[in-house]
């Protein structure tokens, strides 16, 4: 079987508008972000989503609280979906933190983590999802590091390649987490589709 995963970023924050790299700080949606969260709810409430998994950072939680208020879809918070921990640079200007992201591919930010470590924890999250949600369609709300992890583990994108690409927002990304080999003679999974632990 498989888990269909839809990814959406948290919506626009005050830090985004001020050019700040929030990292593991809580963050707060701006007025624009709150309007976007309402639109996210309109997009996804009737999209067949069985559960919402969200980063536990405040800006992601605020996004899902607005988007899914009162709709009955379970919302599950998971720290493994957090942004990369920039350590001493959490809350620093975006240009300073992201001037050379490849330098922190394997070497952690001072007092924080590397991008590879952030991608690896997203992989551990993916390993747990099929335990309860195999065969379901789920929504993941997170950050740039969350998307890098999904791209790496589910599409085979090298982390360095993903880090070098410019992030462009769009209303959702779709992934398939393949959880078994299927019956004998069945077609193999699509390239980059990850086999979960079942």
C-alpha atoms as a PDB file:
ATOM      1  CA  UNK A   1       0.000   0.000   0.000  1.00  0.00           C
ATOM      2  CA  UNK A   2       1.007   3.654   0.237  1.00  0.00           C
ATOM      3  CA  UNK A   3       0.435   6.881   2.093  1.00  0.00           C
ATOM      4  CA  UNK A   4      -0.449   9.904  -0.019  1.00  0.00           C
ATOM      5  CA  UNK A   5       1.243  12.946   1.511  1.00  0.00           C
ATOM      6  CA  UNK A   6       0.315  16.539   0.749  1.00  0.00           C
ATOM      7  CA  UNK A   7       2.805  19.128   1.991  1.00  0.00           C
ATOM      8  CA  UNK A   8       1.994  22.765   2.726  1.00  0.00           C
ATOM      9  CA  UNK A   9       4.266  25.332   4.342  1.00  0.00           C
ATOM     10  CA  UNK A  10       3.203  27.348   7.351  1.00  0.00           C
ATOM     11  CA  UNK A  11       1.780  30.628   6.112  1.00  0.00           C
ATOM     12  CA  UNK A  12       3.504  34.034   5.974  1.00  0.00           C
ATOM     13  CA  UNK A  13       4.917  35.252   9.286  1.00  0.00           C
ATOM     14  CA  UNK A  14       5.941  38.610  10.680  1.00  0.00           C
ATOM     15  CA  UNK A  15       9.541  37.363  10.507  1.00  0.00           C
ATOM     16  CA  UNK A  16       9.131  36.430   6.829  1.00  0.00           C
ATOM     17  CA  UNK A  17       8.011  39.971   6.109  1.00  0.00           C
ATOM     18  CA  UNK A  18      10.916  41.415   8.137  1.00  0.00           C
ATOM     19  CA  UNK A  19      13.580  39.229   6.467  1.00  0.00           C
ATOM     20  CA  UNK A  20      14.277  37.183   9.600  1.00  0.00           C
ATOM     21  CA  UNK A  21      15.286  33.485   9.628  1.00  0.00           C
ATOM     22  CA  UNK A  22      13.154  32.260  12.529  1.00  0.00           C
ATOM     23  CA  UNK A  23      14.578  28.739  12.815  1.00  0.00           C
ATOM     24  CA  UNK A  24      13.489  27.111  16.075  1.00  0.00           C
ATOM     25  CA  UNK A  25      11.991  30.306  17.495  1.00  0.00           C
ATOM     26  CA  UNK A  26       8.164  30.235  17.651  1.00  0.00           C
ATOM     27  CA  UNK A  27       7.268  32.886  15.068  1.00  0.00           C
ATOM     28  CA  UNK A  28       3.817  34.382  14.535  1.00  0.00           C
ATOM     29  CA  UNK A  29       1.645  34.719  11.448  1.00  0.00           C
ATOM     30  CA  UNK A  30       1.208  38.172   9.975  1.00  0.00           C
ATOM     31  CA  UNK A  31      -2.193  39.510   8.929  1.00  0.00           C
ATOM     32  CA  UNK A  32      -1.445  38.195   5.425  1.00  0.00           C
ATOM     33  CA  UNK A  33      -0.480  34.800   6.878  1.00  0.00           C
ATOM     34  CA  UNK A  34      -3.752  34.524   8.772  1.00  0.00           C
ATOM     35  CA  UNK A  35      -5.691  35.195   5.574  1.00  0.00           C
ATOM     36  CA  UNK A  36      -3.566  32.601   3.775  1.00  0.00           C
ATOM     37  CA  UNK A  37      -4.298  30.065   6.533  1.00  0.00           C
ATOM     38  CA  UNK A  38      -8.027  30.530   5.922  1.00  0.00           C
ATOM     39  CA  UNK A  39      -7.407  29.842   2.222  1.00  0.00           C
ATOM     40  CA  UNK A  40      -5.362  26.763   3.121  1.00  0.00           C
ATOM     41  CA  UNK A  41      -8.355  25.443   5.037  1.00  0.00           C
ATOM     42  CA  UNK A  42     -10.628  26.047   2.050  1.00  0.00           C
ATOM     43  CA  UNK A  43      -8.150  24.172  -0.144  1.00  0.00           C
ATOM     44  CA  UNK A  44      -7.671  21.145   2.087  1.00  0.00           C
ATOM     45  CA  UNK A  45     -10.712  20.575   4.346  1.00  0.00           C
ATOM     46  CA  UNK A  46     -12.551  18.631   1.632  1.00  0.00           C
ATOM     47  CA  UNK A  47      -9.436  17.171   0.022  1.00  0.00           C
ATOM     48  CA  UNK A  48      -9.827  13.683   1.503  1.00  0.00           C
ATOM     49  CA  UNK A  49      -7.238  14.333   4.212  1.00  0.00           C
ATOM     50  CA  UNK A  50      -7.511  11.812   7.068  1.00  0.00           C
ATOM     51  CA  UNK A  51      -5.078  13.612   9.400  1.00  0.00           C
ATOM     52  CA  UNK A  52      -2.899  16.707   9.604  1.00  0.00           C
ATOM     53  CA  UNK A  53       0.678  16.407  10.837  1.00  0.00           C
ATOM     54  CA  UNK A  54       2.252  19.726  11.818  1.00  0.00           C
ATOM     55  CA  UNK A  55       5.524  21.035  13.135  1.00  0.00           C
ATOM     56  CA  UNK A  56       5.114  22.000  16.781  1.00  0.00           C
ATOM     57  CA  UNK A  57       6.581  25.478  16.227  1.00  0.00           C
ATOM     58  CA  UNK A  58       3.995  28.187  16.931  1.00  0.00           C
ATOM     59  CA  UNK A  59       3.775  29.544  13.371  1.00  0.00           C
ATOM     60  CA  UNK A  60       2.887  26.109  11.994  1.00  0.00           C
ATOM     61  CA  UNK A  61       0.461  25.399  14.838  1.00  0.00           C
ATOM     62  CA  UNK A  62      -1.235  28.763  14.266  1.00  0.00           C
ATOM     63  CA  UNK A  63      -1.550  27.902  10.568  1.00  0.00           C
ATOM     64  CA  UNK A  64      -3.341  24.600  11.201  1.00  0.00           C
ATOM     65  CA  UNK A  65      -5.435  26.008  14.060  1.00  0.00           C
ATOM     66  CA  UNK A  66      -6.877  28.603  11.689  1.00  0.00           C
ATOM     67  CA  UNK A  67      -7.118  26.313   8.657  1.00  0.00           C
ATOM     68  CA  UNK A  68      -8.792  23.369  10.397  1.00  0.00           C
ATOM     69  CA  UNK A  69     -10.704  24.970  13.277  1.00  0.00           C
ATOM     70  CA  UNK A  70     -13.829  22.978  14.085  1.00  0.00           C
ATOM     71  CA  UNK A  71     -13.606  20.583  11.138  1.00  0.00           C
ATOM     72  CA  UNK A  72     -12.897  17.361  13.044  1.00  0.00           C
ATOM     73  CA  UNK A  73      -9.754  16.306  11.169  1.00  0.00           C
ATOM     74  CA  UNK A  74      -7.178  15.158  13.757  1.00  0.00           C
ATOM     75  CA  UNK A  75      -4.148  17.451  14.067  1.00  0.00           C
ATOM     76  CA  UNK A  76      -0.972  15.786  15.335  1.00  0.00           C
ATOM     77  CA  UNK A  77       2.075  17.865  16.302  1.00  0.00           C
ATOM     78  CA  UNK A  78       5.554  16.442  15.704  1.00  0.00           C
ATOM     79  CA  UNK A  79       8.838  18.173  16.529  1.00  0.00           C
ATOM     80  CA  UNK A  80      10.595  16.238  13.755  1.00  0.00           C
ATOM     81  CA  UNK A  81       8.821  18.466  11.220  1.00  0.00           C
ATOM     82  CA  UNK A  82      10.527  21.622  12.554  1.00  0.00           C
ATOM     83  CA  UNK A  83      12.659  24.008  10.548  1.00  0.00           C
ATOM     84  CA  UNK A  84      16.425  23.557  10.655  1.00  0.00           C
ATOM     85  CA  UNK A  85      17.809  24.666  14.023  1.00  0.00           C
ATOM     86  CA  UNK A  86      20.107  27.594  13.281  1.00  0.00           C
ATOM     87  CA  UNK A  87      21.343  27.601  16.875  1.00  0.00           C
ATOM     88  CA  UNK A  88      22.931  30.939  17.707  1.00  0.00           C
ATOM     89  CA  UNK A  89      21.530  32.294  14.425  1.00  0.00           C
ATOM     90  CA  UNK A  90      17.858  31.590  15.166  1.00  0.00           C
ATOM     91  CA  UNK A  91      16.192  34.973  14.619  1.00  0.00           C
ATOM     92  CA  UNK A  92      19.110  36.437  12.646  1.00  0.00           C
ATOM     93  CA  UNK A  93      18.658  38.217   9.291  1.00  0.00           C
ATOM     94  CA  UNK A  94      17.815  35.783   6.485  1.00  0.00           C
ATOM     95  CA  UNK A  95      20.754  36.981   4.361  1.00  0.00           C
ATOM     96  CA  UNK A  96      23.178  36.126   7.151  1.00  0.00           C
ATOM     97  CA  UNK A  97      21.762  32.657   7.803  1.00  0.00           C
ATOM     98  CA  UNK A  98      21.270  31.636   4.175  1.00  0.00           C
ATOM     99  CA  UNK A  99      24.296  33.298   2.578  1.00  0.00           C
ATOM    100  CA  UNK A 100      25.934  29.869   2.153  1.00  0.00           C
ATOM    101  CA  UNK A 101      23.553  27.099   3.183  1.00  0.00           C
ATOM    102  CA  UNK A 102      25.824  24.433   1.680  1.00  0.00           C
ATOM    103  CA  UNK A 103      28.412  25.289   4.345  1.00  0.00           C
ATOM    104  CA  UNK A 104      25.921  23.890   6.870  1.00  0.00           C
ATOM    105  CA  UNK A 105      24.956  20.827   4.827  1.00  0.00           C
ATOM    106  CA  UNK A 106      26.884  18.464   7.139  1.00  0.00           C
ATOM    107  CA  UNK A 107      28.376  20.938   9.631  1.00  0.00           C
ATOM    108  CA  UNK A 108      25.843  22.175  12.216  1.00  0.00           C
ATOM    109  CA  UNK A 109      25.136  25.858  12.682  1.00  0.00           C
ATOM    110  CA  UNK A 110      26.857  26.999  15.914  1.00  0.00           C
ATOM    111  CA  UNK A 111      24.733  25.628  18.746  1.00  0.00           C
ATOM    112  CA  UNK A 112      22.251  24.129  16.270  1.00  0.00           C
ATOM    113  CA  UNK A 113      22.057  21.374  13.662  1.00  0.00           C
ATOM    114  CA  UNK A 114      23.064  20.765  10.051  1.00  0.00           C
ATOM    115  CA  UNK A 115      20.631  20.571   7.152  1.00  0.00           C
ATOM    116  CA  UNK A 116      21.437  16.857   6.847  1.00  0.00           C
ATOM    117  CA  UNK A 117      20.417  16.314  10.478  1.00  0.00           C
ATOM    118  CA  UNK A 118      17.139  18.159   9.836  1.00  0.00           C
ATOM    119  CA  UNK A 119      16.463  16.033   6.737  1.00  0.00           C
ATOM    120  CA  UNK A 120      17.275  12.857   8.675  1.00  0.00           C
ATOM    121  CA  UNK A 121      14.680  13.607  11.382  1.00  0.00           C
ATOM    122  CA  UNK A 122      12.021  14.127   8.690  1.00  0.00           C
ATOM    123  CA  UNK A 123      12.990  10.656   7.456  1.00  0.00           C
ATOM    124  CA  UNK A 124      12.365   9.229  10.927  1.00  0.00           C
ATOM    125  CA  UNK A 125       8.915  10.835  10.895  1.00  0.00           C
ATOM    126  CA  UNK A 126       8.181   9.202   7.537  1.00  0.00           C
ATOM    127  CA  UNK A 127       9.183   5.813   8.922  1.00  0.00           C
ATOM    128  CA  UNK A 128       6.480   6.107  11.591  1.00  0.00           C
ATOM    129  CA  UNK A 129       3.586   7.403   9.467  1.00  0.00           C
ATOM    130  CA  UNK A 130       2.494   4.068   7.916  1.00  0.00           C
ATOM    131  CA  UNK A 131       2.063   2.463  11.341  1.00  0.00           C
ATOM    132  CA  UNK A 132      -1.327   4.159  11.663  1.00  0.00           C
ATOM    133  CA  UNK A 133      -2.004   5.851   8.324  1.00  0.00           C
ATOM    134  CA  UNK A 134      -1.125   3.290   5.627  1.00  0.00           C
ATOM    135  CA  UNK A 135      -3.556   3.684   2.724  1.00  0.00           C
ATOM    136  CA  UNK A 136      -4.595   7.186   3.817  1.00  0.00           C
ATOM    137  CA  UNK A 137      -4.092  10.692   2.467  1.00  0.00           C
ATOM    138  CA  UNK A 138      -2.475  12.998   5.032  1.00  0.00           C
ATOM    139  CA  UNK A 139      -1.402  16.633   5.136  1.00  0.00           C
ATOM    140  CA  UNK A 140       1.990  17.734   6.479  1.00  0.00           C
ATOM    141  CA  UNK A 141       2.473  21.388   7.473  1.00  0.00           C
ATOM    142  CA  UNK A 142       6.030  22.480   8.039  1.00  0.00           C
ATOM    143  CA  UNK A 143       8.993  24.487   6.862  1.00  0.00           C
ATOM    144  CA  UNK A 144      11.769  24.540   4.257  1.00  0.00           C
ATOM    145  CA  UNK A 145      13.633  21.733   6.100  1.00  0.00           C
ATOM    146  CA  UNK A 146      10.443  19.650   6.084  1.00  0.00           C
ATOM    147  CA  UNK A 147      10.128  19.981   2.331  1.00  0.00           C
ATOM    148  CA  UNK A 148      13.823  19.194   1.823  1.00  0.00           C
ATOM    149  CA  UNK A 149      13.303  16.010   3.823  1.00  0.00           C
ATOM    150  CA  UNK A 150      10.264  14.999   1.791  1.00  0.00           C
ATOM    151  CA  UNK A 151      12.048  15.725  -1.492  1.00  0.00           C
ATOM    152  CA  UNK A 152      15.104  13.752  -0.391  1.00  0.00           C
ATOM    153  CA  UNK A 153      13.380  10.697   1.083  1.00  0.00           C
ATOM    154  CA  UNK A 154      10.416  10.441  -1.293  1.00  0.00           C
ATOM    155  CA  UNK A 155      11.881  11.702  -4.575  1.00  0.00           C
ATOM    156  CA  UNK A 156      15.558  10.915  -4.138  1.00  0.00           C
ATOM    157  CA  UNK A 157      16.664  14.550  -4.477  1.00  0.00           C
ATOM    158  CA  UNK A 158      20.202  15.007  -3.105  1.00  0.00           C
ATOM    159  CA  UNK A 159      20.176  17.375  -0.123  1.00  0.00           C
ATOM    160  CA  UNK A 160      22.906  19.559  -1.655  1.00  0.00           C
ATOM    161  CA  UNK A 161      20.871  19.948  -4.847  1.00  0.00           C
ATOM    162  CA  UNK A 162      17.735  20.859  -2.908  1.00  0.00           C
ATOM    163  CA  UNK A 163      19.648  23.387  -0.783  1.00  0.00           C
ATOM    164  CA  UNK A 164      21.034  25.069  -3.896  1.00  0.00           C
ATOM    165  CA  UNK A 165      17.592  25.569  -5.454  1.00  0.00           C
ATOM    166  CA  UNK A 166      15.542  28.687  -4.808  1.00  0.00           C
ATOM    167  CA  UNK A 167      12.390  28.039  -2.795  1.00  0.00           C
ATOM    168  CA  UNK A 168       9.227  29.038  -4.642  1.00  0.00           C
ATOM    169  CA  UNK A 169       5.938  28.908  -2.754  1.00  0.00           C
ATOM    170  CA  UNK A 170       2.962  27.157  -4.300  1.00  0.00           C
ATOM    171  CA  UNK A 171      -0.328  25.768  -2.954  1.00  0.00           C
ATOM    172  CA  UNK A 172       0.892  22.312  -1.989  1.00  0.00           C
ATOM    173  CA  UNK A 173       3.223  19.529  -3.077  1.00  0.00           C
ATOM    174  CA  UNK A 174       2.146  15.885  -3.537  1.00  0.00           C
ATOM    175  CA  UNK A 175       4.216  12.844  -2.532  1.00  0.00           C
ATOM    176  CA  UNK A 176       3.707   9.082  -2.306  1.00  0.00           C
ATOM    177  CA  UNK A 177       5.200   7.039   0.531  1.00  0.00           C
ATOM    178  CA  UNK A 178       5.262   3.437  -0.734  1.00  0.00           C
ATOM    179  CA  UNK A 179       4.853   1.031   2.190  1.00  0.00           C
ATOM    180  CA  UNK A 180       5.213  -2.437   0.642  1.00  0.00           C
ATOM    181  CA  UNK A 181       6.283  -4.269  -2.490  1.00  0.00           C
ATOM    182  CA  UNK A 182       2.744  -5.100  -3.571  1.00  0.00           C
ATOM    183  CA  UNK A 183       1.674  -8.472  -4.987  1.00  0.00           C
ATOM    184  CA  UNK A 184       4.057 -10.580  -7.050  1.00  0.00           C
ATOM    185  CA  UNK A 185       4.409  -9.212 -10.539  1.00  0.00           C
ATOM    186  CA  UNK A 186       3.190  -5.728  -9.635  1.00  0.00           C
ATOM    187  CA  UNK A 187       4.886  -2.654 -11.032  1.00  0.00           C
ATOM    188  CA  UNK A 188       7.759  -1.240  -8.988  1.00  0.00           C
ATOM    189  CA  UNK A 189       7.256   2.058  -7.155  1.00  0.00           C
ATOM    190  CA  UNK A 190       7.830   5.305  -9.018  1.00  0.00           C
ATOM    191  CA  UNK A 191      11.410   6.604  -8.947  1.00  0.00           C
ATOM    192  CA  UNK A 192      12.107   8.291  -5.651  1.00  0.00           C
ATOM    193  CA  UNK A 193       9.105   6.774  -3.877  1.00  0.00           C
ATOM    194  CA  UNK A 194      10.247   5.717  -0.427  1.00  0.00           C
ATOM    195  CA  UNK A 195       9.545   2.323   1.046  1.00  0.00           C
ATOM    196  CA  UNK A 196       8.400   2.792   4.618  1.00  0.00           C
ATOM    197  CA  UNK A 197       8.831   0.419   7.514  1.00  0.00           C
ATOM    198  CA  UNK A 198       5.216  -0.758   7.140  1.00  0.00           C
END
